[in-house]
Amino acid sequence: MYYFDSYALFEILEGNPAYDGYLGSEIITSALNIGEFYYGLLKQTTAQRAESIADSVKPDLLEIDVATVKKAMAFRHAHIKSKFSTVDCVGYVLARSHGLKFLTGDKEFEGMPGVEFVN
């Protein structure tokens, strides 16, 4: 099972064939990643269309608690040179803590444990 980061959601939306193998997978993510996805959509299209696309995802959302946020910020600090975003760090820690592979094409994550890197 996979944790879909925003990068993966956009690649699927844009029809990247490298992500075809994940189309039947349950989409597990967080509200933060859906928010990031929605924000990216707002930059590309109308608010009404962005809302429609974001609402069509129907993910299984993982809860974010304070302990997860702290672990995510410790991870971000430990990898300060990588310039990971807060949302990416929270997603990565959530994925790891739930035994999920972190599905992304973000080059900063390539080769890291627990990452399914798809370009």
PDB file of N, CA and C in Angstrom:
ATOM      1  N   MET A   1       0.842  -1.176   0.000  1.00  0.00           N
ATOM      2  CA  MET A   1       0.000   0.000   0.000  1.00  0.00           C
ATOM      3  C   MET A   1       0.887   1.239   0.000  1.00  0.00           C
ATOM      4  N   TYR A   2       0.325   2.317  -0.509  1.00  0.00           N
ATOM      5  CA  TYR A   2       1.106   3.527  -0.739  1.00  0.00           C
ATOM      6  C   TYR A   2       0.465   4.750  -0.104  1.00  0.00           C
ATOM      7  N   TYR A   3       1.335   5.668   0.291  1.00  0.00           N
ATOM      8  CA  TYR A   3       0.924   7.001   0.699  1.00  0.00           C
ATOM      9  C   TYR A   3       1.186   7.897  -0.515  1.00  0.00           C
ATOM     10  N   PHE A   4       0.149   8.481  -1.065  1.00  0.00           N
ATOM     11  CA  PHE A   4       0.264   9.317  -2.258  1.00  0.00           C
ATOM     12  C   PHE A   4       0.591  10.752  -1.848  1.00  0.00           C
ATOM     13  N   ASP A   5       1.762  11.227  -2.243  1.00  0.00           N
ATOM     14  CA  ASP A   5       2.041  12.639  -1.999  1.00  0.00           C
ATOM     15  C   ASP A   5       1.444  13.458  -3.133  1.00  0.00           C
ATOM     16  N   SER A   6       1.502  14.748  -2.996  1.00  0.00           N
ATOM     17  CA  SER A   6       0.885  15.647  -3.985  1.00  0.00           C
ATOM     18  C   SER A   6       1.485  15.456  -5.370  1.00  0.00           C
ATOM     19  N   TYR A   7       2.787  15.217  -5.420  1.00  0.00           N
ATOM     20  CA  TYR A   7       3.473  14.985  -6.694  1.00  0.00           C
ATOM     21  C   TYR A   7       2.807  13.820  -7.423  1.00  0.00           C
ATOM     22  N   ALA A   8       2.594  12.721  -6.703  1.00  0.00           N
ATOM     23  CA  ALA A   8       1.979  11.539  -7.309  1.00  0.00           C
ATOM     24  C   ALA A   8       0.565  11.837  -7.799  1.00  0.00           C
ATOM     25  N   LEU A   9      -0.193  12.587  -7.012  1.00  0.00           N
ATOM     26  CA  LEU A   9      -1.561  12.925  -7.425  1.00  0.00           C
ATOM     27  C   LEU A   9      -1.563  13.723  -8.721  1.00  0.00           C
ATOM     28  N   PHE A  10      -0.640  14.667  -8.847  1.00  0.00           N
ATOM     29  CA  PHE A  10      -0.565  15.452 -10.087  1.00  0.00           C
ATOM     30  C   PHE A  10      -0.138  14.597 -11.271  1.00  0.00           C
ATOM     31  N   GLU A  11       0.808  13.714 -11.069  1.00  0.00           N
ATOM     32  CA  GLU A  11       1.268  12.870 -12.163  1.00  0.00           C
ATOM     33  C   GLU A  11       0.149  11.960 -12.668  1.00  0.00           C
ATOM     34  N   ILE A  12      -0.653  11.448 -11.757  1.00  0.00           N
ATOM     35  CA  ILE A  12      -1.799  10.621 -12.142  1.00  0.00           C
ATOM     36  C   ILE A  12      -2.815  11.464 -12.898  1.00  0.00           C
ATOM     37  N   LEU A  13      -3.113  12.647 -12.381  1.00  0.00           N
ATOM     38  CA  LEU A  13      -4.063  13.548 -13.043  1.00  0.00           C
ATOM     39  C   LEU A  13      -3.601  13.889 -14.458  1.00  0.00           C
ATOM     40  N   GLU A  14      -2.300  14.116 -14.612  1.00  0.00           N
ATOM     41  CA  GLU A  14      -1.755  14.505 -15.910  1.00  0.00           C
ATOM     42  C   GLU A  14      -1.526  13.318 -16.842  1.00  0.00           C
ATOM     43  N   GLY A  15      -1.823  12.105 -16.369  1.00  0.00           N
ATOM     44  CA  GLY A  15      -1.748  10.926 -17.218  1.00  0.00           C
ATOM     45  C   GLY A  15      -0.352  10.389 -17.451  1.00  0.00           C
ATOM     46  N   ASN A  16       0.563  10.628 -16.519  1.00  0.00           N
ATOM     47  CA  ASN A  16       1.918  10.082 -16.657  1.00  0.00           C
ATOM     48  C   ASN A  16       1.834   8.558 -16.661  1.00  0.00           C
ATOM     49  N   PRO A  17       2.224   7.906 -17.757  1.00  0.00           N
ATOM     50  CA  PRO A  17       2.107   6.448 -17.840  1.00  0.00           C
ATOM     51  C   PRO A  17       2.948   5.701 -16.803  1.00  0.00           C
ATOM     52  N   ALA A  18       3.953   6.332 -16.253  1.00  0.00           N
ATOM     53  CA  ALA A  18       4.764   5.700 -15.215  1.00  0.00           C
ATOM     54  C   ALA A  18       3.939   5.426 -13.956  1.00  0.00           C
ATOM     55  N   TYR A  19       2.814   6.123 -13.813  1.00  0.00           N
ATOM     56  CA  TYR A  19       1.950   5.955 -12.648  1.00  0.00           C
ATOM     57  C   TYR A  19       0.747   5.048 -12.929  1.00  0.00           C
ATOM     58  N   ASP A  20       0.652   4.487 -14.129  1.00  0.00           N
ATOM     59  CA  ASP A  20      -0.489   3.638 -14.472  1.00  0.00           C
ATOM     60  C   ASP A  20      -0.656   2.464 -13.519  1.00  0.00           C
ATOM     61  N   GLY A  21       0.423   1.912 -13.038  1.00  0.00           N
ATOM     62  CA  GLY A  21       0.359   0.770 -12.136  1.00  0.00           C
ATOM     63  C   GLY A  21      -0.229   1.076 -10.770  1.00  0.00           C
ATOM     64  N   TYR A  22      -0.423   2.347 -10.473  1.00  0.00           N
ATOM     65  CA  TYR A  22      -0.958   2.765  -9.175  1.00  0.00           C
ATOM     66  C   TYR A  22      -2.416   3.204  -9.261  1.00  0.00           C
ATOM     67  N   LEU A  23      -2.981   3.192 -10.463  1.00  0.00           N
ATOM     68  CA  LEU A  23      -4.342   3.694 -10.670  1.00  0.00           C
ATOM     69  C   LEU A  23      -5.389   2.918  -9.885  1.00  0.00           C
ATOM     70  N   GLY A  24      -5.201   1.637  -9.692  1.00  0.00           N
ATOM     71  CA  GLY A  24      -6.177   0.836  -8.954  1.00  0.00           C
ATOM     72  C   GLY A  24      -5.943   0.807  -7.462  1.00  0.00           C
ATOM     73  N   SER A  25      -4.893   1.456  -7.010  1.00  0.00           N
ATOM     74  CA  SER A  25      -4.559   1.452  -5.586  1.00  0.00           C
ATOM     75  C   SER A  25      -5.468   2.400  -4.803  1.00  0.00           C
ATOM     76  N   GLU A  26      -5.716   2.021  -3.562  1.00  0.00           N
ATOM     77  CA  GLU A  26      -6.433   2.920  -2.667  1.00  0.00           C
ATOM     78  C   GLU A  26      -5.552   4.139  -2.425  1.00  0.00           C
ATOM     79  N   ILE A  27      -6.129   5.315  -2.529  1.00  0.00           N
ATOM     80  CA  ILE A  27      -5.359   6.533  -2.318  1.00  0.00           C
ATOM     81  C   ILE A  27      -5.373   6.863  -0.830  1.00  0.00           C
ATOM     82  N   ILE A  28      -4.202   6.729  -0.233  1.00  0.00           N
ATOM     83  CA  ILE A  28      -4.021   7.059   1.173  1.00  0.00           C
ATOM     84  C   ILE A  28      -3.110   8.273   1.222  1.00  0.00           C
ATOM     85  N   THR A  29      -3.537   9.296   1.933  1.00  0.00           N
ATOM     86  CA  THR A  29      -2.785  10.539   2.019  1.00  0.00           C
ATOM     87  C   THR A  29      -3.256  11.302   3.257  1.00  0.00           C
ATOM     88  N   SER A  30      -2.963  12.569   3.342  1.00  0.00           N
ATOM     89  CA  SER A  30      -3.441  13.400   4.453  1.00  0.00           C
ATOM     90  C   SER A  30      -4.180  14.611   3.904  1.00  0.00           C
ATOM     91  N   ALA A  31      -4.873  15.284   4.792  1.00  0.00           N
ATOM     92  CA  ALA A  31      -5.571  16.512   4.403  1.00  0.00           C
ATOM     93  C   ALA A  31      -4.578  17.562   3.921  1.00  0.00           C
ATOM     94  N   LEU A  32      -3.362  17.554   4.479  1.00  0.00           N
ATOM     95  CA  LEU A  32      -2.345  18.503   4.019  1.00  0.00           C
ATOM     96  C   LEU A  32      -1.988  18.275   2.551  1.00  0.00           C
ATOM     97  N   ASN A  33      -1.833  17.003   2.163  1.00  0.00           N
ATOM     98  CA  ASN A  33      -1.504  16.725   0.762  1.00  0.00           C
ATOM     99  C   ASN A  33      -2.657  17.065  -0.170  1.00  0.00           C
ATOM    100  N   ILE A  34      -3.871  16.826   0.279  1.00  0.00           N
ATOM    101  CA  ILE A  34      -5.027  17.220  -0.543  1.00  0.00           C
ATOM    102  C   ILE A  34      -5.059  18.742  -0.665  1.00  0.00           C
ATOM    103  N   GLY A  35      -4.748  19.428   0.418  1.00  0.00           N
ATOM    104  CA  GLY A  35      -4.683  20.894   0.372  1.00  0.00           C
ATOM    105  C   GLY A  35      -3.616  21.380  -0.584  1.00  0.00           C
ATOM    106  N   GLU A  36      -2.463  20.752  -0.566  1.00  0.00           N
ATOM    107  CA  GLU A  36      -1.377  21.124  -1.477  1.00  0.00           C
ATOM    108  C   GLU A  36      -1.769  20.840  -2.928  1.00  0.00           C
ATOM    109  N   PHE A  37      -2.430  19.711  -3.145  1.00  0.00           N
ATOM    110  CA  PHE A  37      -2.931  19.342  -4.469  1.00  0.00           C
ATOM    111  C   PHE A  37      -3.943  20.384  -4.951  1.00  0.00           C
ATOM    112  N   TYR A  38      -4.873  20.751  -4.088  1.00  0.00           N
ATOM    113  CA  TYR A  38      -5.887  21.746  -4.409  1.00  0.00           C
ATOM    114  C   TYR A  38      -5.243  23.095  -4.750  1.00  0.00           C
ATOM    115  N   TYR A  39      -4.262  23.491  -3.968  1.00  0.00           N
ATOM    116  CA  TYR A  39      -3.563  24.747  -4.229  1.00  0.00           C
ATOM    117  C   TYR A  39      -2.907  24.728  -5.615  1.00  0.00           C
ATOM    118  N   GLY A  40      -2.267  23.628  -5.951  1.00  0.00           N
ATOM    119  CA  GLY A  40      -1.659  23.496  -7.277  1.00  0.00           C
ATOM    120  C   GLY A  40      -2.697  23.576  -8.379  1.00  0.00           C
ATOM    121  N   LEU A  41      -3.857  22.980  -8.137  1.00  0.00           N
ATOM    122  CA  LEU A  41      -4.944  23.047  -9.114  1.00  0.00           C
ATOM    123  C   LEU A  41      -5.435  24.478  -9.289  1.00  0.00           C
ATOM    124  N   LEU A  42      -5.533  25.211  -8.184  1.00  0.00           N
ATOM    125  CA  LEU A  42      -5.978  26.608  -8.259  1.00  0.00           C
ATOM    126  C   LEU A  42      -5.057  27.450  -9.136  1.00  0.00           C
ATOM    127  N   LYS A  43      -3.791  27.094  -9.166  1.00  0.00           N
ATOM    128  CA  LYS A  43      -2.837  27.837 -10.001  1.00  0.00           C
ATOM    129  C   LYS A  43      -3.000  27.496 -11.476  1.00  0.00           C
ATOM    130  N   GLN A  44      -3.676  26.371 -11.780  1.00  0.00           N
ATOM    131  CA  GLN A  44      -3.794  25.907 -13.158  1.00  0.00           C
ATOM    132  C   GLN A  44      -5.164  26.120 -13.787  1.00  0.00           C
ATOM    133  N   THR A  45      -6.193  26.259 -12.953  1.00  0.00           N
ATOM    134  CA  THR A  45      -7.546  26.273 -13.489  1.00  0.00           C
ATOM    135  C   THR A  45      -8.451  27.145 -12.619  1.00  0.00           C
ATOM    136  N   THR A  46      -9.727  27.117 -12.889  1.00  0.00           N
ATOM    137  CA  THR A  46     -10.679  27.898 -12.106  1.00  0.00           C
ATOM    138  C   THR A  46     -10.893  27.251 -10.737  1.00  0.00           C
ATOM    139  N   ALA A  47     -11.387  28.046  -9.802  1.00  0.00           N
ATOM    140  CA  ALA A  47     -11.664  27.526  -8.463  1.00  0.00           C
ATOM    141  C   ALA A  47     -12.715  26.414  -8.514  1.00  0.00           C
ATOM    142  N   GLN A  48     -13.716  26.587  -9.356  1.00  0.00           N
ATOM    143  CA  GLN A  48     -14.772  25.576  -9.473  1.00  0.00           C
ATOM    144  C   GLN A  48     -14.210  24.251 -10.002  1.00  0.00           C
ATOM    145  N   ARG A  49     -13.374  24.325 -11.016  1.00  0.00           N
ATOM    146  CA  ARG A  49     -12.767  23.104 -11.582  1.00  0.00           C
ATOM    147  C   ARG A  49     -11.801  22.473 -10.578  1.00  0.00           C
ATOM    148  N   ALA A  50     -11.018  23.290  -9.886  1.00  0.00           N
ATOM    149  CA  ALA A  50     -10.086  22.776  -8.877  1.00  0.00           C
ATOM    150  C   ALA A  50     -10.848  22.036  -7.776  1.00  0.00           C
ATOM    151  N   GLU A  51     -11.936  22.631  -7.344  1.00  0.00           N
ATOM    152  CA  GLU A  51     -12.779  22.010  -6.313  1.00  0.00           C
ATOM    153  C   GLU A  51     -13.313  20.661  -6.799  1.00  0.00           C
ATOM    154  N   SER A  52     -13.786  20.624  -8.025  1.00  0.00           N
ATOM    155  CA  SER A  52     -14.333  19.397  -8.601  1.00  0.00           C
ATOM    156  C   SER A  52     -13.272  18.290  -8.690  1.00  0.00           C
ATOM    157  N   ILE A  53     -12.092  18.639  -9.149  1.00  0.00           N
ATOM    158  CA  ILE A  53     -11.012  17.653  -9.281  1.00  0.00           C
ATOM    159  C   ILE A  53     -10.575  17.159  -7.903  1.00  0.00           C
ATOM    160  N   ALA A  54     -10.348  18.071  -6.981  1.00  0.00           N
ATOM    161  CA  ALA A  54      -9.907  17.687  -5.639  1.00  0.00           C
ATOM    162  C   ALA A  54     -10.952  16.810  -4.954  1.00  0.00           C
ATOM    163  N   ASP A  55     -12.229  17.143  -5.127  1.00  0.00           N
ATOM    164  CA  ASP A  55     -13.298  16.354  -4.508  1.00  0.00           C
ATOM    165  C   ASP A  55     -13.435  14.969  -5.125  1.00  0.00           C
ATOM    166  N   SER A  56     -12.975  14.799  -6.350  1.00  0.00           N
ATOM    167  CA  SER A  56     -13.096  13.501  -7.017  1.00  0.00           C
ATOM    168  C   SER A  56     -12.069  12.473  -6.528  1.00  0.00           C
ATOM    169  N   VAL A  57     -11.069  12.909  -5.805  1.00  0.00           N
ATOM    170  CA  VAL A  57      -9.994  12.007  -5.377  1.00  0.00           C
ATOM    171  C   VAL A  57     -10.493  10.958  -4.388  1.00  0.00           C
ATOM    172  N   LYS A  58     -11.298  11.307  -3.418  1.00  0.00           N
ATOM    173  CA  LYS A  58     -11.874  10.391  -2.433  1.00  0.00           C
ATOM    174  C   LYS A  58     -10.809   9.550  -1.717  1.00  0.00           C
ATOM    175  N   PRO A  59      -9.855  10.202  -1.070  1.00  0.00           N
ATOM    176  CA  PRO A  59      -8.785   9.445  -0.416  1.00  0.00           C
ATOM    177  C   PRO A  59      -9.183   8.928   0.967  1.00  0.00           C
ATOM    178  N   ASP A  60      -8.405   7.989   1.446  1.00  0.00           N
ATOM    179  CA  ASP A  60      -8.453   7.573   2.834  1.00  0.00           C
ATOM    180  C   ASP A  60      -7.445   8.481   3.535  1.00  0.00           C
ATOM    181  N   LEU A  61      -7.934   9.361   4.408  1.00  0.00           N
ATOM    182  CA  LEU A  61      -7.063  10.356   5.034  1.00  0.00           C
ATOM    183  C   LEU A  61      -6.514   9.851   6.363  1.00  0.00           C
ATOM    184  N   LEU A  62      -5.193   9.973   6.529  1.00  0.00           N
ATOM    185  CA  LEU A  62      -4.555   9.642   7.790  1.00  0.00           C
ATOM    186  C   LEU A  62      -4.567  10.871   8.684  1.00  0.00           C
ATOM    187  N   GLU A  63      -4.813  10.648   9.961  1.00  0.00           N
ATOM    188  CA  GLU A  63      -4.834  11.727  10.940  1.00  0.00           C
ATOM    189  C   GLU A  63      -3.414  12.198  11.241  1.00  0.00           C
ATOM    190  N   ILE A  64      -3.279  13.471  11.498  1.00  0.00           N
ATOM    191  CA  ILE A  64      -1.988  14.063  11.850  1.00  0.00           C
ATOM    192  C   ILE A  64      -2.079  14.530  13.300  1.00  0.00           C
ATOM    193  N   ASP A  65      -1.218  13.964  14.147  1.00  0.00           N
ATOM    194  CA  ASP A  65      -1.194  14.390  15.539  1.00  0.00           C
ATOM    195  C   ASP A  65       0.103  15.146  15.833  1.00  0.00           C
ATOM    196  N   VAL A  66       0.203  15.693  17.034  1.00  0.00           N
ATOM    197  CA  VAL A  66       1.355  16.504  17.407  1.00  0.00           C
ATOM    198  C   VAL A  66       2.648  15.686  17.355  1.00  0.00           C
ATOM    199  N   ALA A  67       2.601  14.443  17.790  1.00  0.00           N
ATOM    200  CA  ALA A  67       3.800  13.595  17.766  1.00  0.00           C
ATOM    201  C   ALA A  67       4.315  13.422  16.339  1.00  0.00           C
ATOM    202  N   THR A  68       3.402  13.248  15.391  1.00  0.00           N
ATOM    203  CA  THR A  68       3.793  13.109  13.982  1.00  0.00           C
ATOM    204  C   THR A  68       4.436  14.385  13.473  1.00  0.00           C
ATOM    205  N   VAL A  69       3.851  15.520  13.825  1.00  0.00           N
ATOM    206  CA  VAL A  69       4.401  16.805  13.388  1.00  0.00           C
ATOM    207  C   VAL A  69       5.802  16.996  13.957  1.00  0.00           C
ATOM    208  N   LYS A  70       6.000  16.651  15.219  1.00  0.00           N
ATOM    209  CA  LYS A  70       7.324  16.777  15.822  1.00  0.00           C
ATOM    210  C   LYS A  70       8.343  15.882  15.121  1.00  0.00           C
ATOM    211  N   LYS A  71       7.953  14.642  14.848  1.00  0.00           N
ATOM    212  CA  LYS A  71       8.852  13.723  14.138  1.00  0.00           C
ATOM    213  C   LYS A  71       9.168  14.272  12.740  1.00  0.00           C
ATOM    214  N   ALA A  72       8.163  14.825  12.099  1.00  0.00           N
ATOM    215  CA  ALA A  72       8.351  15.380  10.754  1.00  0.00           C
ATOM    216  C   ALA A  72       9.307  16.562  10.765  1.00  0.00           C
ATOM    217  N   MET A  73       9.186  17.410  11.775  1.00  0.00           N
ATOM    218  CA  MET A  73      10.078  18.573  11.858  1.00  0.00           C
ATOM    219  C   MET A  73      11.497  18.152  12.242  1.00  0.00           C
ATOM    220  N   ALA A  74      11.635  17.085  13.043  1.00  0.00           N
ATOM    221  CA  ALA A  74      12.965  16.545  13.351  1.00  0.00           C
ATOM    222  C   ALA A  74      13.592  15.970  12.083  1.00  0.00           C
ATOM    223  N   PHE A  75      12.780  15.289  11.264  1.00  0.00           N
ATOM    224  CA  PHE A  75      13.254  14.765   9.984  1.00  0.00           C
ATOM    225  C   PHE A  75      13.682  15.911   9.072  1.00  0.00           C
ATOM    226  N   ARG A  76      12.873  16.939   9.011  1.00  0.00           N
ATOM    227  CA  ARG A  76      13.190  18.094   8.164  1.00  0.00           C
ATOM    228  C   ARG A  76      14.493  18.746   8.613  1.00  0.00           C
ATOM    229  N   HIS A  77      14.651  18.878   9.913  1.00  0.00           N
ATOM    230  CA  HIS A  77      15.866  19.487  10.447  1.00  0.00           C
ATOM    231  C   HIS A  77      17.090  18.615  10.150  1.00  0.00           C
ATOM    232  N   ALA A  78      16.937  17.303  10.278  1.00  0.00           N
ATOM    233  CA  ALA A  78      18.046  16.383  10.002  1.00  0.00           C
ATOM    234  C   ALA A  78      18.457  16.402   8.532  1.00  0.00           C
ATOM    235  N   HIS A  79      17.542  16.807   7.668  1.00  0.00           N
ATOM    236  CA  HIS A  79      17.802  16.846   6.217  1.00  0.00           C
ATOM    237  C   HIS A  79      17.679  18.283   5.697  1.00  0.00           C
ATOM    238  N   ILE A  80      18.157  19.204   6.465  1.00  0.00           N
ATOM    239  CA  ILE A  80      17.967  20.632   6.179  1.00  0.00           C
ATOM    240  C   ILE A  80      18.494  21.036   4.803  1.00  0.00           C
ATOM    241  N   LYS A  81      19.541  20.390   4.336  1.00  0.00           N
ATOM    242  CA  LYS A  81      20.107  20.733   3.022  1.00  0.00           C
ATOM    243  C   LYS A  81      19.220  20.280   1.865  1.00  0.00           C
ATOM    244  N   SER A  82      18.309  19.361   2.139  1.00  0.00           N
ATOM    245  CA  SER A  82      17.429  18.845   1.080  1.00  0.00           C
ATOM    246  C   SER A  82      16.265  19.768   0.762  1.00  0.00           C
ATOM    247  N   LYS A  83      15.979  20.724   1.604  1.00  0.00           N
ATOM    248  CA  LYS A  83      14.908  21.698   1.367  1.00  0.00           C
ATOM    249  C   LYS A  83      13.526  21.044   1.252  1.00  0.00           C
ATOM    250  N   PHE A  84      13.275  20.001   2.060  1.00  0.00           N
ATOM    251  CA  PHE A  84      11.959  19.368   2.069  1.00  0.00           C
ATOM    252  C   PHE A  84      10.916  20.356   2.587  1.00  0.00           C
ATOM    253  N   SER A  85       9.727  20.310   2.017  1.00  0.00           N
ATOM    254  CA  SER A  85       8.636  21.135   2.518  1.00  0.00           C
ATOM    255  C   SER A  85       8.051  20.494   3.779  1.00  0.00           C
ATOM    256  N   THR A  86       7.346  21.284   4.546  1.00  0.00           N
ATOM    257  CA  THR A  86       6.676  20.763   5.736  1.00  0.00           C
ATOM    258  C   THR A  86       5.689  19.667   5.363  1.00  0.00           C
ATOM    259  N   VAL A  87       4.904  19.897   4.321  1.00  0.00           N
ATOM    260  CA  VAL A  87       3.910  18.907   3.889  1.00  0.00           C
ATOM    261  C   VAL A  87       4.588  17.604   3.502  1.00  0.00           C
ATOM    262  N   ASP A  88       5.697  17.669   2.764  1.00  0.00           N
ATOM    263  CA  ASP A  88       6.415  16.456   2.378  1.00  0.00           C
ATOM    264  C   ASP A  88       6.948  15.709   3.595  1.00  0.00           C
ATOM    265  N   CYS A  89       7.470  16.431   4.558  1.00  0.00           N
ATOM    266  CA  CYS A  89       8.006  15.793   5.764  1.00  0.00           C
ATOM    267  C   CYS A  89       6.914  15.106   6.564  1.00  0.00           C
ATOM    268  N   VAL A  90       5.781  15.768   6.727  1.00  0.00           N
ATOM    269  CA  VAL A  90       4.661  15.158   7.442  1.00  0.00           C
ATOM    270  C   VAL A  90       4.183  13.916   6.694  1.00  0.00           C
ATOM    271  N   GLY A  91       4.051  14.013   5.386  1.00  0.00           N
ATOM    272  CA  GLY A  91       3.618  12.861   4.596  1.00  0.00           C
ATOM    273  C   GLY A  91       4.571  11.689   4.698  1.00  0.00           C
ATOM    274  N   TYR A  92       5.856  11.960   4.614  1.00  0.00           N
ATOM    275  CA  TYR A  92       6.864  10.899   4.697  1.00  0.00           C
ATOM    276  C   TYR A  92       6.812  10.208   6.057  1.00  0.00           C
ATOM    277  N   VAL A  93       6.734  10.979   7.122  1.00  0.00           N
ATOM    278  CA  VAL A  93       6.668  10.405   8.465  1.00  0.00           C
ATOM    279  C   VAL A  93       5.365   9.623   8.651  1.00  0.00           C
ATOM    280  N   LEU A  94       4.251  10.140   8.159  1.00  0.00           N
ATOM    281  CA  LEU A  94       2.985   9.410   8.233  1.00  0.00           C
ATOM    282  C   LEU A  94       3.079   8.068   7.505  1.00  0.00           C
ATOM    283  N   ALA A  95       3.635   8.103   6.314  1.00  0.00           N
ATOM    284  CA  ALA A  95       3.779   6.877   5.532  1.00  0.00           C
ATOM    285  C   ALA A  95       4.606   5.853   6.301  1.00  0.00           C
ATOM    286  N   ARG A  96       5.745   6.279   6.802  1.00  0.00           N
ATOM    287  CA  ARG A  96       6.637   5.372   7.529  1.00  0.00           C
ATOM    288  C   ARG A  96       5.952   4.818   8.784  1.00  0.00           C
ATOM    289  N   SER A  97       5.249   5.662   9.512  1.00  0.00           N
ATOM    290  CA  SER A  97       4.626   5.212  10.763  1.00  0.00           C
ATOM    291  C   SER A  97       3.441   4.278  10.535  1.00  0.00           C
ATOM    292  N   HIS A  98       2.876   4.300   9.331  1.00  0.00           N
ATOM    293  CA  HIS A  98       1.758   3.406   8.996  1.00  0.00           C
ATOM    294  C   HIS A  98       2.185   2.235   8.112  1.00  0.00           C
ATOM    295  N   GLY A  99       3.466   2.068   7.921  1.00  0.00           N
ATOM    296  CA  GLY A  99       3.965   0.951   7.123  1.00  0.00           C
ATOM    297  C   GLY A  99       3.639   1.055   5.646  1.00  0.00           C
ATOM    298  N   LEU A 100       3.518   2.280   5.144  1.00  0.00           N
ATOM    299  CA  LEU A 100       3.194   2.514   3.743  1.00  0.00           C
ATOM    300  C   LEU A 100       4.430   2.991   2.995  1.00  0.00           C
ATOM    301  N   LYS A 101       4.472   2.707   1.706  1.00  0.00           N
ATOM    302  CA  LYS A 101       5.519   3.291   0.873  1.00  0.00           C
ATOM    303  C   LYS A 101       5.088   4.697   0.486  1.00  0.00           C
ATOM    304  N   PHE A 102       6.033   5.624   0.554  1.00  0.00           N
ATOM    305  CA  PHE A 102       5.780   7.021   0.202  1.00  0.00           C
ATOM    306  C   PHE A 102       5.945   7.152  -1.303  1.00  0.00           C
ATOM    307  N   LEU A 103       4.833   7.300  -2.030  1.00  0.00           N
ATOM    308  CA  LEU A 103       4.830   7.362  -3.490  1.00  0.00           C
ATOM    309  C   LEU A 103       5.047   8.795  -3.947  1.00  0.00           C
ATOM    310  N   THR A 104       6.166   9.012  -4.645  1.00  0.00           N
ATOM    311  CA  THR A 104       6.514  10.355  -5.088  1.00  0.00           C
ATOM    312  C   THR A 104       7.454  10.301  -6.282  1.00  0.00           C
ATOM    313  N   GLY A 105       7.562  11.420  -6.945  1.00  0.00           N
ATOM    314  CA  GLY A 105       8.557  11.612  -7.990  1.00  0.00           C
ATOM    315  C   GLY A 105       9.476  12.761  -7.629  1.00  0.00           C
ATOM    316  N   ASP A 106       9.350  13.239  -6.403  1.00  0.00           N
ATOM    317  CA  ASP A 106      10.180  14.329  -5.905  1.00  0.00           C
ATOM    318  C   ASP A 106      11.617  13.830  -5.764  1.00  0.00           C
ATOM    319  N   LYS A 107      12.521  14.417  -6.538  1.00  0.00           N
ATOM    320  CA  LYS A 107      13.909  13.959  -6.602  1.00  0.00           C
ATOM    321  C   LYS A 107      14.611  13.955  -5.246  1.00  0.00           C
ATOM    322  N   GLU A 108      14.196  14.817  -4.328  1.00  0.00           N
ATOM    323  CA  GLU A 108      14.809  14.865  -3.001  1.00  0.00           C
ATOM    324  C   GLU A 108      14.636  13.542  -2.245  1.00  0.00           C
ATOM    325  N   PHE A 109      13.582  12.784  -2.569  1.00  0.00           N
ATOM    326  CA  PHE A 109      13.295  11.539  -1.875  1.00  0.00           C
ATOM    327  C   PHE A 109      13.899  10.304  -2.556  1.00  0.00           C
ATOM    328  N   GLU A 110      14.444  10.470  -3.728  1.00  0.00           N
ATOM    329  CA  GLU A 110      14.981   9.321  -4.469  1.00  0.00           C
ATOM    330  C   GLU A 110      16.038   8.599  -3.642  1.00  0.00           C
ATOM    331  N   GLY A 111      15.868   7.276  -3.511  1.00  0.00           N
ATOM    332  CA  GLY A 111      16.834   6.444  -2.802  1.00  0.00           C
ATOM    333  C   GLY A 111      16.644   6.381  -1.297  1.00  0.00           C
ATOM    334  N   MET A 112      15.673   7.102  -0.761  1.00  0.00           N
ATOM    335  CA  MET A 112      15.452   7.077   0.684  1.00  0.00           C
ATOM    336  C   MET A 112      14.657   5.837   1.074  1.00  0.00           C
ATOM    337  N   PRO A 113      14.857   5.346   2.295  1.00  0.00           N
ATOM    338  CA  PRO A 113      14.106   4.167   2.748  1.00  0.00           C
ATOM    339  C   PRO A 113      12.604   4.433   2.760  1.00  0.00           C
ATOM    340  N   GLY A 114      11.840   3.433   2.350  1.00  0.00           N
ATOM    341  CA  GLY A 114      10.398   3.536   2.389  1.00  0.00           C
ATOM    342  C   GLY A 114       9.780   4.375   1.290  1.00  0.00           C
ATOM    343  N   VAL A 115      10.575   4.721   0.282  1.00  0.00           N
ATOM    344  CA  VAL A 115      10.078   5.568  -0.812  1.00  0.00           C
ATOM    345  C   VAL A 115       9.929   4.758  -2.084  1.00  0.00           C
ATOM    346  N   GLU A 116       8.791   4.937  -2.724  1.00  0.00           N
ATOM    347  CA  GLU A 116       8.544   4.383  -4.058  1.00  0.00           C
ATOM    348  C   GLU A 116       8.708   5.575  -5.009  1.00  0.00           C
ATOM    349  N   PHE A 117       9.892   5.675  -5.589  1.00  0.00           N
ATOM    350  CA  PHE A 117      10.202   6.815  -6.448  1.00  0.00           C
ATOM    351  C   PHE A 117       9.824   6.490  -7.870  1.00  0.00           C
ATOM    352  N   VAL A 118       8.944   7.309  -8.435  1.00  0.00           N
ATOM    353  CA  VAL A 118       8.472   7.117  -9.813  1.00  0.00           C
ATOM    354  C   VAL A 118       8.613   8.453 -10.521  1.00  0.00           C
ATOM    355  N   ASN A 119       9.319   8.440 -11.633  1.00  0.00           N
ATOM    356  CA  ASN A 119       9.541   9.668 -12.368  1.00  0.00           C
ATOM    357  C   ASN A 119       8.687   9.732 -13.597  1.00  0.00           C
TER     358      ASN A 119
END
